[in-house]
């Protein structure tokens, strides 16, 4: 057929036939031909009553190929033809947001909301989509209160939206809005606690049994089961090095990226051949380029489909895949669920259990997961001398600013915490205020957040009898400048239940002692591990009251603080925390053990018995009212709750808290 005949044929197609023809071309990998078919049809069907719908579909194809300006023009033309076609407003807003015009995007979504009056299923779907898109754009522009209003409106229309619940809770944590879990008329407390993301739950409560059940639930609903795939050819023992893949969206200037800086270059090629798979935002920062040069193989899988990425990993012959994301932003868990390697490891990116059927191992250390805590994890726990790697060649600005330049009073006791605001729980903040109230003239130096959040913390301090000016907010600086100003602080006070991780490592590296409260869950014990590995185990507190007393005592004994500073500086070259070569050698030993267990049929098989019961109990608790970290008999508390549930819905014995003996006791 000639080109002229082909064009004539295209313009004669009915809309259903046009869409089918486009789909055939797309599935054949001919996206350009599909776009050309749309363009030809549109050119010759200017009066067609469904032109607006074809323009909409064409705009999607253009957006997918990053042709944003033509996509915008198509959508504007579609709206002009049919002002009641709501999807065009929603997509036009998305295109404008990608073009950097957030204000125009919010305007389109607002226009869509204004046009929706009929109460139909389709209208509700369009309205919640417009509200959620607006909330996301408003949050990115730091209009948090307006974003929260949009999300609440969306959830009142459809309270089953798990993503909106996760977004809402994370937003309230970021703003230090207490209580974090705030139910409404149509969104009850239990639904919020079942819908929260595992990462937000780590900052909400030190309740590892609830976190285990929640992670399992999240994995079932938000990740789901992968499609059927061609079985992988078995990988057998080989004489060469282990082929280990690291999957991460954070191999760039990011907290995890800084921690991983030396890992690839320290791997012994004779032991491990490293394959880095990057799935994050486009980046060309120096740290990203460093990873490209130090990994034995570096592949950007961000633009690959899950299936294509799995095919690439299998072609690389991976034996072990290390998931450095877990349940964090930009993770590729649907890819991991396809099992691109025989052995899959959870390490470093997510502070807790994945409770997935495909994560076999969790890398921790003796402090973070003592043997008695293994019941809180679905993975088999293997241990390093210290869980967290550290970068020993941090760039630090040569000049240390003065206290006056940082807005700090000379001679005062300066407590600091440079953790993100989302980690500041009400109970931890109240402990900090109790310390300030007992140490005259002391100040608390925090990493600045949005001004409304800063003001919210000041107001809360005033309500608790602490002058708001004693909270001093540090502006965000480039990392070398930020590290240099640590010298101005006397003592770092940790958050709880989600403690300092990379931030603690930074403080200890700069010689600032860190006081922490050890909990039960993973995120609540990492800081204690780091402080102990730096040689200061006496700064790990076991009770909330002990934390307050120790912080007050150290203000009165500045000589002890100076001794801690000297010990940190003197031990920086020898302590376990900064011995990254040791960590990598031990990591290679763990990898070999994992692979041997796979070869001998001893690969762990995660078990999830009774977790629906545990989730129901966890979702009935009130983490904003009762601090799980302070429960004297945590497991006894849970046994009581499980016993009450067992009387209505019987549980089976499992390896966690529920045994035959316990069930027998409940039955009586």
Foldseek 3Di string as FASTA:
>chain_A
DDPVVVLVVLLPDDPVVLVVVLVVCVVVVNLVVNLVSLVSNCVNPVPDLCSLVSLQVSLVSCVVVVVLVSSLVSLVVSCVSPVLPLVSLQVNLVSCVVVVNNVVSLVSLVSSLVNQDDDDPVSLVSNLSSLQVNLVSCVVVVVLVSSLVSLVVNCVSPVQDLVSLQVQLLSCLLLVPPPSQDADDRHDLLSSLLSHFLQLVLLQALFLLLSLLSLLSCCCPVQNAADDDDDADDDADDQAAAEEEEEEQPQAPDLLVQQCQCQLQLFDRRHYQYEYEHQHDDDDHPSNVSVCPRHNHYHHCNVPDLVVVLVVLVVVVHAEYEYQAQRHPRGDVNSVSVVSHQAYEYANRGQAANNDQRHAEYEAACQLAPPLQCLSYLHHYDYALGRTGHDLPDQADPDADDCVVQVHDPPAAEEEAADRSSNAAPVLLVLVLLLPVLGPRYAYEYADDPPSSLVVSLVVSVVVPHHSVSYGHGYDDPVNRVLSHLVVHLEYEFGPPQTDASRLVSNLLSLHHYAAEAFSGRRNRNSCSLNVQLPNNVSYHDASVRSSVVSNVCSVVSVVSVVSSVSSNVCCVPGRRHPNSSRSVVVSVVVVVQSVCVNVVNRRGGDDFPSVVSNSLVSVDDSSVDHLRHDPCNLVVVLVSSLVVCVVPNGDADDHNRHPVSSVVSVD
